[in-house]
Each structure stands twice: as structure tokens, then as C-alpha cells.
Amino acid sequence: MEDHPTALMQPCPHLPDIGSSRFPASALGAFREGPRGGDFYELALRCAQSRWLEGLPAQALLMLNRAMGARLDAAIDHDLLMRHPLPYRAVGWILRHGGAGGFLGNPRRHFQHLATRMSGHDPERRTARAWACWELARRVNPDWPPDLDQLESESLTEPCLEQIEHDLSTHGLRGEVGEWRLALSEV
């Protein structure tokens, strides 16, 4: 990858070390036609770290969304997941520190929209993960408002903690609820 121009922020401790390299989001284009498994996941994490270091926290979160959409199998990708667990802690860390950097937007609204407009492969798993990140955002900053218009017009109800945990247990990987709970304990 390219050399990193200027590190504006300290690296996220929950993402891979990328040194002085730069990983543009366009690097994920290499997986447009191929499988989006472990290699895709690891590259998406590196892209998230790169976006973070460039002072682009909202884009870092988008890269973490991509990583969470990777097709991982707890048995096949065990070693990778031991090195780089599902990035709930990274999401929480960026939510807590993102305001000091660049544009963060309203992550609560972002994750609400992500969860309620899911399509493509494995929608139940990816929806559960989006709601889990929504809960992180809600806890980091309770003043981030939800999209009340969407909730009302689509007759949606925000899930409770128990529902999120149930959905992660049902659709997520082995150990995923533990990673999410660890992230919750840090916010």
C-alpha cells in the first residue's frame, strides 16, 4: 500500500498496526468479484485504521461496517479472529475519541439506518451487528438523536439490550456476544 502522509491521531489500539502505510478504501475493490472472507476482513480493518489516522472517523466507522460484513467462520477463521476480534471495541473507541478528529456525524442515526436497511448476504447477522454498534453509539453519547421520522413513518421500535444480545447469540459467531459486552464495558 501507499505511505501514510501524516498521522494526525494516535492509532486505534483495537485495530491492526499499519505503520506508515496507507490503505485507501479503494483497496477493497480487489474483492468486488471474489470472496469477502478473512483477507477482506483484515484489509477492511487496515483501511479503518488508515481512515482513522487521516482524521476521518466517520469513514473509519464505514470501513468497520465493511469488516463486519465479511463472511467469516469461527472455525475456519479462528486464528484471524484471535488476532483481530470482531471490531466492537474499535467501534466504541472511535466513537469515544472521534470528536477530537474530523467529521463523525451522528453515529446513532447511521447505525439505525444501517440496521433497518440491510440487504445482501447474511442480513440477520449484519443487522444484529448494526444494532449492537447502535447500542455502543447510544451509550457513548445519549444526546445523539435517533431518526425519529424514520421510526415513526416505518413503525420501528429500537431494540432493547436483551433483544440485541439474543440476535447476536442467534446469528453471530461463537464468542461474539462476549466481544460486544467487552466493548460495552469500555464505554
Protein backbone atom coordinates (compact mmCIF):
# COMPACT_ATOMS: atom_id res chain seq x y z
CA MET A 1 0.00 0.00 0.00
CA GLU A 2 0.98 3.67 -0.07
CA ASP A 3 2.99 5.51 2.56
CA HIS A 4 0.82 7.24 5.12
CA PRO A 5 1.06 11.01 4.56
CA THR A 6 0.69 12.31 8.12
CA ALA A 7 -0.57 10.60 11.21
CA LEU A 8 -2.95 13.16 12.69
CA MET A 9 -4.13 11.00 15.55
CA GLN A 10 -2.89 8.17 17.73
CA PRO A 11 -3.67 4.75 16.27
CA CYS A 12 -6.77 2.94 17.45
CA PRO A 13 -5.39 0.24 19.79
CA HIS A 14 -8.09 -2.20 18.69
CA LEU A 15 -7.13 -2.15 15.01
CA PRO A 16 -4.07 -3.60 13.25
CA ASP A 17 -0.88 -1.58 13.28
CA ILE A 18 -0.30 -0.23 9.78
CA GLY A 19 2.95 1.62 10.46
CA SER A 20 3.45 4.37 7.89
CA SER A 21 1.37 2.59 5.24
CA ARG A 22 -1.84 3.99 3.85
CA PHE A 23 -4.76 1.74 2.99
CA PRO A 24 -7.32 3.60 0.86
CA ALA A 25 -10.91 2.37 0.81
CA SER A 26 -10.45 1.65 -2.89
CA ALA A 27 -8.15 -1.25 -1.92
CA LEU A 28 -11.31 -3.21 -1.03
CA GLY A 29 -12.24 -3.06 -4.72
CA ALA A 30 -9.95 -6.04 -5.24
CA PHE A 31 -12.72 -8.11 -3.60
CA ARG A 32 -15.52 -6.83 -5.81
CA GLU A 33 -15.84 -10.15 -7.64
CA GLY A 34 -14.16 -12.53 -5.21
CA PRO A 35 -14.98 -13.93 -1.80
CA ARG A 36 -15.12 -11.49 1.08
CA GLY A 37 -13.66 -13.70 3.76
CA GLY A 38 -10.69 -13.37 6.07
CA ASP A 39 -8.45 -11.43 3.67
CA PHE A 40 -11.22 -8.92 3.04
CA TYR A 41 -11.89 -8.62 6.78
CA GLU A 42 -8.25 -7.93 7.63
CA LEU A 43 -7.88 -5.40 4.82
CA ALA A 44 -11.08 -3.61 5.90
CA LEU A 45 -9.63 -3.33 9.44
CA ARG A 46 -6.43 -1.84 7.99
CA CYS A 47 -8.48 0.58 5.89
CA ALA A 48 -10.35 1.62 9.05
CA GLN A 49 -7.07 2.32 10.85
CA SER A 50 -5.84 4.32 7.86
CA ARG A 51 -9.04 6.41 7.72
CA TRP A 52 -8.77 6.98 11.47
CA LEU A 53 -5.16 8.13 11.28
CA GLU A 54 -6.07 10.53 8.49
CA GLY A 55 -8.57 12.21 10.80
CA LEU A 56 -11.64 10.67 9.16
CA PRO A 57 -13.51 8.93 11.98
CA ALA A 58 -16.84 8.61 10.11
CA GLN A 59 -15.04 6.91 7.23
CA ALA A 60 -13.22 4.65 9.70
CA LEU A 61 -16.63 3.53 11.00
CA LEU A 62 -17.73 2.83 7.43
CA MET A 63 -14.71 0.59 6.96
CA LEU A 64 -15.61 -1.23 10.19
CA ASN A 65 -19.12 -1.75 8.78
CA ARG A 66 -17.47 -3.41 5.79
CA ALA A 67 -15.31 -5.59 8.05
CA MET A 68 -18.37 -6.73 10.00
CA GLY A 69 -19.96 -7.80 6.71
CA ALA A 70 -17.14 -10.20 5.86
CA ARG A 71 -18.06 -13.86 5.51
CA LEU A 72 -16.18 -15.31 8.44
CA ASP A 73 -16.46 -18.73 10.00
CA ALA A 74 -15.39 -19.07 13.64
CA ALA A 75 -13.73 -22.44 12.98
CA ILE A 76 -12.01 -21.59 9.70
CA ASP A 77 -11.01 -18.05 10.67
CA HIS A 78 -10.20 -18.84 14.31
CA ASP A 79 -6.56 -17.63 14.20
CA LEU A 80 -7.53 -14.41 12.40
CA LEU A 81 -10.29 -13.70 14.91
CA MET A 82 -7.90 -14.34 17.78
CA ARG A 83 -5.51 -11.71 16.34
CA HIS A 84 -8.28 -9.35 15.26
CA PRO A 85 -11.58 -9.95 17.08
CA LEU A 86 -14.78 -8.54 15.64
CA PRO A 87 -14.22 -4.79 15.94
CA TYR A 88 -16.80 -3.81 18.55
CA ARG A 89 -14.06 -2.40 20.78
CA ALA A 90 -12.67 -0.42 17.82
CA VAL A 91 -16.14 0.99 17.12
CA GLY A 92 -16.53 2.03 20.77
CA TRP A 93 -13.05 3.54 20.86
CA ILE A 94 -13.61 5.57 17.68
CA LEU A 95 -16.99 6.74 18.97
CA ARG A 96 -15.35 7.91 22.21
CA HIS A 97 -12.38 9.64 20.54
CA GLY A 98 -13.79 10.64 17.15
CA GLY A 99 -15.00 14.08 18.14
CA ALA A 100 -11.40 15.22 18.61
CA GLY A 101 -10.58 14.40 15.00
CA GLY A 102 -12.59 15.02 11.90
CA PHE A 103 -16.24 14.61 10.96
CA LEU A 104 -18.03 11.95 12.99
CA GLY A 105 -21.63 12.84 12.21
CA ASN A 106 -24.39 11.15 14.17
CA PRO A 107 -23.31 7.51 14.59
CA ARG A 108 -26.54 6.55 16.35
CA ARG A 109 -28.55 7.58 13.30
CA HIS A 110 -26.00 5.95 10.99
CA PHE A 111 -26.26 2.56 12.73
CA GLN A 112 -30.07 2.85 12.93
CA HIS A 113 -30.22 3.33 9.16
CA LEU A 114 -27.71 0.55 8.56
CA ALA A 115 -29.70 -1.89 10.71
CA THR A 116 -33.07 -1.06 9.16
CA ARG A 117 -31.97 -1.02 5.53
CA MET A 118 -29.90 -4.19 5.42
CA SER A 119 -29.75 -6.17 2.19
CA GLY A 120 -27.39 -8.63 0.54
CA HIS A 121 -25.87 -11.71 2.12
CA ASP A 122 -26.43 -12.76 5.73
CA PRO A 123 -28.82 -9.89 6.59
CA GLU A 124 -29.78 -11.22 10.04
CA ARG A 125 -26.17 -11.37 11.22
CA ARG A 126 -25.28 -7.99 9.76
CA THR A 127 -28.46 -6.39 11.16
CA ALA A 128 -27.69 -7.76 14.64
CA ARG A 129 -24.19 -6.29 14.40
CA ALA A 130 -25.50 -2.90 13.26
CA TRP A 131 -27.89 -2.76 16.24
CA ALA A 132 -25.03 -3.79 18.54
CA CYS A 133 -22.98 -0.83 17.24
CA TRP A 134 -26.06 1.39 17.57
CA GLU A 135 -26.15 0.47 21.27
CA LEU A 136 -22.48 1.44 21.61
CA ALA A 137 -23.21 4.81 19.99
CA ARG A 138 -26.28 5.37 22.18
CA ARG A 139 -24.20 4.73 25.30
CA VAL A 140 -21.21 6.83 24.24
CA ASN A 141 -23.38 9.87 23.61
CA PRO A 142 -27.05 9.67 24.65
CA ASP A 143 -27.53 13.13 23.09
CA TRP A 144 -27.06 11.77 19.56
CA PRO A 145 -30.68 11.68 18.44
CA PRO A 146 -32.28 8.79 16.61
CA ASP A 147 -34.04 9.35 13.31
CA LEU A 148 -37.47 9.84 14.84
CA ASP A 149 -39.08 10.42 11.43
CA GLN A 150 -37.96 7.00 10.25
CA LEU A 151 -39.01 5.31 13.48
CA GLU A 152 -42.47 6.84 13.20
CA SER A 153 -43.04 6.52 9.45
CA GLU A 154 -41.85 2.89 9.35
CA SER A 155 -43.40 1.94 12.72
CA LEU A 156 -40.00 0.81 14.01
CA THR A 157 -39.05 0.15 17.60
CA GLU A 158 -35.46 0.44 18.75
CA PRO A 159 -34.33 -2.87 20.23
CA CYS A 160 -33.61 -3.35 23.92
CA LEU A 161 -30.28 -4.68 25.17
CA GLU A 162 -31.72 -8.18 25.63
CA GLN A 163 -33.01 -8.29 22.05
CA ILE A 164 -29.62 -7.23 20.65
CA GLU A 165 -27.86 -9.87 22.72
CA HIS A 166 -30.37 -12.52 21.66
CA ASP A 167 -29.92 -11.65 17.98
CA LEU A 168 -26.12 -11.69 18.27
CA SER A 169 -26.30 -15.05 20.06
CA THR A 170 -28.62 -16.44 17.39
CA HIS A 171 -26.94 -15.06 14.27
CA GLY A 172 -23.40 -14.12 15.31
CA LEU A 173 -20.20 -16.08 15.65
CA ARG A 174 -19.22 -18.07 18.72
CA GLY A 175 -17.83 -15.59 21.26
CA GLU A 176 -19.30 -12.55 19.53
CA VAL A 177 -21.58 -11.57 22.40
CA GLY A 178 -18.54 -11.58 24.71
CA GLU A 179 -16.65 -9.21 22.40
CA TRP A 180 -19.64 -6.89 22.27
CA ARG A 181 -20.11 -6.97 26.05
CA LEU A 182 -16.43 -6.14 26.50
CA ALA A 183 -16.89 -3.12 24.23
CA LEU A 184 -19.98 -2.07 26.21
CA SER A 185 -17.98 -2.23 29.44
CA GLU A 186 -15.48 0.26 28.00
CA VAL A 187 -17.99 2.95 27.04
